[in-house]
C-alpha atoms as a PDB file:
ATOM      1  CA  MET A   1       0.000   0.000   0.000  1.00  0.00           C
ATOM      2  CA  ASN A   2       1.175   3.503  -0.697  1.00  0.00           C
ATOM      3  CA  MET A   3       1.101   6.357   1.855  1.00  0.00           C
ATOM      4  CA  LYS A   4      -2.020   7.932   0.330  1.00  0.00           C
ATOM      5  CA  THR A   5      -3.992   4.708   0.810  1.00  0.00           C
ATOM      6  CA  ILE A   6      -2.718   4.282   4.366  1.00  0.00           C
ATOM      7  CA  SER A   7      -3.615   7.899   5.182  1.00  0.00           C
ATOM      8  CA  GLY A   8      -7.111   7.423   3.763  1.00  0.00           C
ATOM      9  CA  LEU A   9      -7.616   4.247   5.757  1.00  0.00           C
ATOM     10  CA  SER A  10      -6.447   6.021   8.912  1.00  0.00           C
ATOM     11  CA  ALA A  11      -8.990   8.795   8.343  1.00  0.00           C
ATOM     12  CA  VAL A  12     -11.800   6.285   7.870  1.00  0.00           C
ATOM     13  CA  ALA A  13     -10.767   4.416  11.018  1.00  0.00           C
ATOM     14  CA  ALA A  14     -10.711   7.694  12.986  1.00  0.00           C
ATOM     15  CA  LEU A  15     -14.178   8.599  11.696  1.00  0.00           C
ATOM     16  CA  PHE A  16     -15.611   5.248  12.791  1.00  0.00           C
ATOM     17  CA  ALA A  17     -13.903   5.531  16.172  1.00  0.00           C
ATOM     18  CA  VAL A  18     -15.465   8.949  16.810  1.00  0.00           C
ATOM     19  CA  LEU A  19     -18.880   7.883  15.541  1.00  0.00           C
ATOM     20  CA  ALA A  20     -18.846   5.001  18.020  1.00  0.00           C
ATOM     21  CA  LEU A  21     -18.511   7.357  21.004  1.00  0.00           C
ATOM     22  CA  PRO A  22     -21.576   8.009  23.166  1.00  0.00           C
ATOM     23  CA  GLY A  23     -23.244  11.296  22.297  1.00  0.00           C
ATOM     24  CA  VAL A  24     -22.022  11.203  18.721  1.00  0.00           C
ATOM     25  CA  ALA A  25     -24.094  10.016  15.807  1.00  0.00           C
ATOM     26  CA  TYR A  26     -24.174   6.270  15.552  1.00  0.00           C
ATOM     27  CA  ALA A  27     -26.510   3.512  14.399  1.00  0.00           C
ATOM     28  CA  ASP A  28     -27.256   4.828  10.900  1.00  0.00           C
ATOM     29  CA  GLY A  29     -24.630   7.569  11.170  1.00  0.00           C
ATOM     30  CA  THR A  30     -26.692  10.749  11.448  1.00  0.00           C
ATOM     31  CA  CYS A  31     -27.240  13.105  14.349  1.00  0.00           C
ATOM     32  CA  MET A  32     -30.895  13.663  13.449  1.00  0.00           C
ATOM     33  CA  ALA A  33     -31.703   9.942  13.371  1.00  0.00           C
ATOM     34  CA  THR A  34     -29.980   9.426  16.695  1.00  0.00           C
ATOM     35  CA  ALA A  35     -31.893  12.326  18.268  1.00  0.00           C
ATOM     36  CA  MET A  36     -35.133  10.831  16.974  1.00  0.00           C
ATOM     37  CA  ASP A  37     -34.208   7.360  18.266  1.00  0.00           C
ATOM     38  CA  LYS A  38     -33.530   8.875  21.687  1.00  0.00           C
ATOM     39  CA  LYS A  39     -36.841  10.759  21.459  1.00  0.00           C
ATOM     40  CA  LEU A  40     -35.135  14.069  22.235  1.00  0.00           C
ATOM     41  CA  ALA A  41     -37.097  17.309  22.006  1.00  0.00           C
ATOM     42  CA  GLY A  42     -36.711  20.981  22.851  1.00  0.00           C
ATOM     43  CA  ALA A  43     -33.546  22.089  24.623  1.00  0.00           C
ATOM     44  CA  ALA A  44     -32.218  18.545  24.960  1.00  0.00           C
ATOM     45  CA  LYS A  45     -32.465  18.019  21.206  1.00  0.00           C
ATOM     46  CA  SER A  46     -30.871  21.399  20.462  1.00  0.00           C
ATOM     47  CA  SER A  47     -27.990  20.681  22.812  1.00  0.00           C
ATOM     48  CA  PHE A  48     -27.474  17.185  21.392  1.00  0.00           C
ATOM     49  CA  MET A  49     -27.562  18.452  17.796  1.00  0.00           C
ATOM     50  CA  LYS A  50     -25.036  21.237  18.497  1.00  0.00           C
ATOM     51  CA  LYS A  51     -22.614  18.819  20.165  1.00  0.00           C
ATOM     52  CA  CYS A  52     -23.081  16.230  17.445  1.00  0.00           C
ATOM     53  CA  GLU A  53     -22.453  18.844  14.743  1.00  0.00           C
ATOM     54  CA  ARG A  54     -19.303  20.092  16.537  1.00  0.00           C
ATOM     55  CA  ASP A  55     -18.002  16.530  16.822  1.00  0.00           C
ATOM     56  CA  ALA A  56     -18.765  15.854  13.152  1.00  0.00           C
ATOM     57  CA  ALA A  57     -17.020  19.084  12.119  1.00  0.00           C
ATOM     58  CA  ALA A  58     -13.893  18.057  14.030  1.00  0.00           C
ATOM     59  CA  VAL A  59     -13.810  14.626  12.391  1.00  0.00           C
ATOM     60  CA  CYS A  60     -14.483  16.065   8.932  1.00  0.00           C
ATOM     61  CA  SER A  61     -11.795  18.708   9.358  1.00  0.00           C
ATOM     62  CA  THR A  62      -9.269  16.050  10.380  1.00  0.00           C
ATOM     63  CA  THR A  63     -10.268  13.908   7.413  1.00  0.00           C
ATOM     64  CA  ALA A  64      -9.837  16.888   5.059  1.00  0.00           C
ATOM     65  CA  ALA A  65      -6.379  17.525   6.515  1.00  0.00           C
ATOM     66  CA  ASP A  66      -5.460  13.847   6.089  1.00  0.00           C
ATOM     67  CA  LYS A  67      -6.515  14.130   2.452  1.00  0.00           C
ATOM     68  CA  LYS A  68      -4.331  17.239   2.183  1.00  0.00           C
ATOM     69  CA  LEU A  69      -7.246  19.361   0.975  1.00  0.00           C
ATOM     70  CA  SER A  70      -7.054  23.133   1.125  1.00  0.00           C
ATOM     71  CA  GLY A  71      -9.001  26.183   0.046  1.00  0.00           C
ATOM     72  CA  ALA A  72     -12.304  25.639  -1.718  1.00  0.00           C
ATOM     73  CA  ALA A  73     -11.825  21.858  -1.898  1.00  0.00           C
ATOM     74  CA  LYS A  74     -11.419  21.648   1.897  1.00  0.00           C
ATOM     75  CA  THR A  75     -14.405  23.932   2.500  1.00  0.00           C
ATOM     76  CA  SER A  76     -16.618  21.971   0.123  1.00  0.00           C
ATOM     77  CA  PHE A  77     -15.548  18.601   1.503  1.00  0.00           C
ATOM     78  CA  THR A  78     -16.001  19.667   5.132  1.00  0.00           C
ATOM     79  CA  LYS A  79     -19.402  21.254   4.491  1.00  0.00           C
ATOM     80  CA  LYS A  80     -20.737  18.134   2.751  1.00  0.00           C
ATOM     81  CA  CYS A  81     -19.207  15.802   5.329  1.00  0.00           C
ATOM     82  CA  VAL A  82     -20.837  17.681   8.241  1.00  0.00           C
ATOM     83  CA  LYS A  83     -24.170  17.910   6.411  1.00  0.00           C
ATOM     84  CA  ASP A  84     -24.142  14.159   5.799  1.00  0.00           C
ATOM     85  CA  ALA A  85     -23.254  13.426   9.426  1.00  0.00           C
ATOM     86  CA  VAL A  86     -25.931  15.732  10.802  1.00  0.00           C
ATOM     87  CA  SER A  87     -28.896  15.054   8.558  1.00  0.00           C
ATOM     88  CA  GLY A  88     -27.966  12.096   6.406  1.00  0.00           C
END
C-alpha cells in the first residue's frame, strides 16, 4: 500500500472511532436519526444536535487535513461531510 492509501484508511478508522462514542451520531450515522431514536425534544435536542455537529465538524476537518485538501476543496468537503453526518 502507498502512503495515500494508508492515510485514507487512517482517516476512515478515525471517523468510525469517533462515531462510536456516546453522544455522537451512531446507528445509521446521522445526528438527526440518533436524536429521533432517543426521542429528544426541545432544549435537549438542540444541545445534542449542536454537540453532534461540533463533533462531526472536528472529524471532517481532520479527514480533510489527512486528504491534504485546502481552500475551496477543503471547505466543500467539510461542508458536505458535516451535512451528511448531521442530517444524512
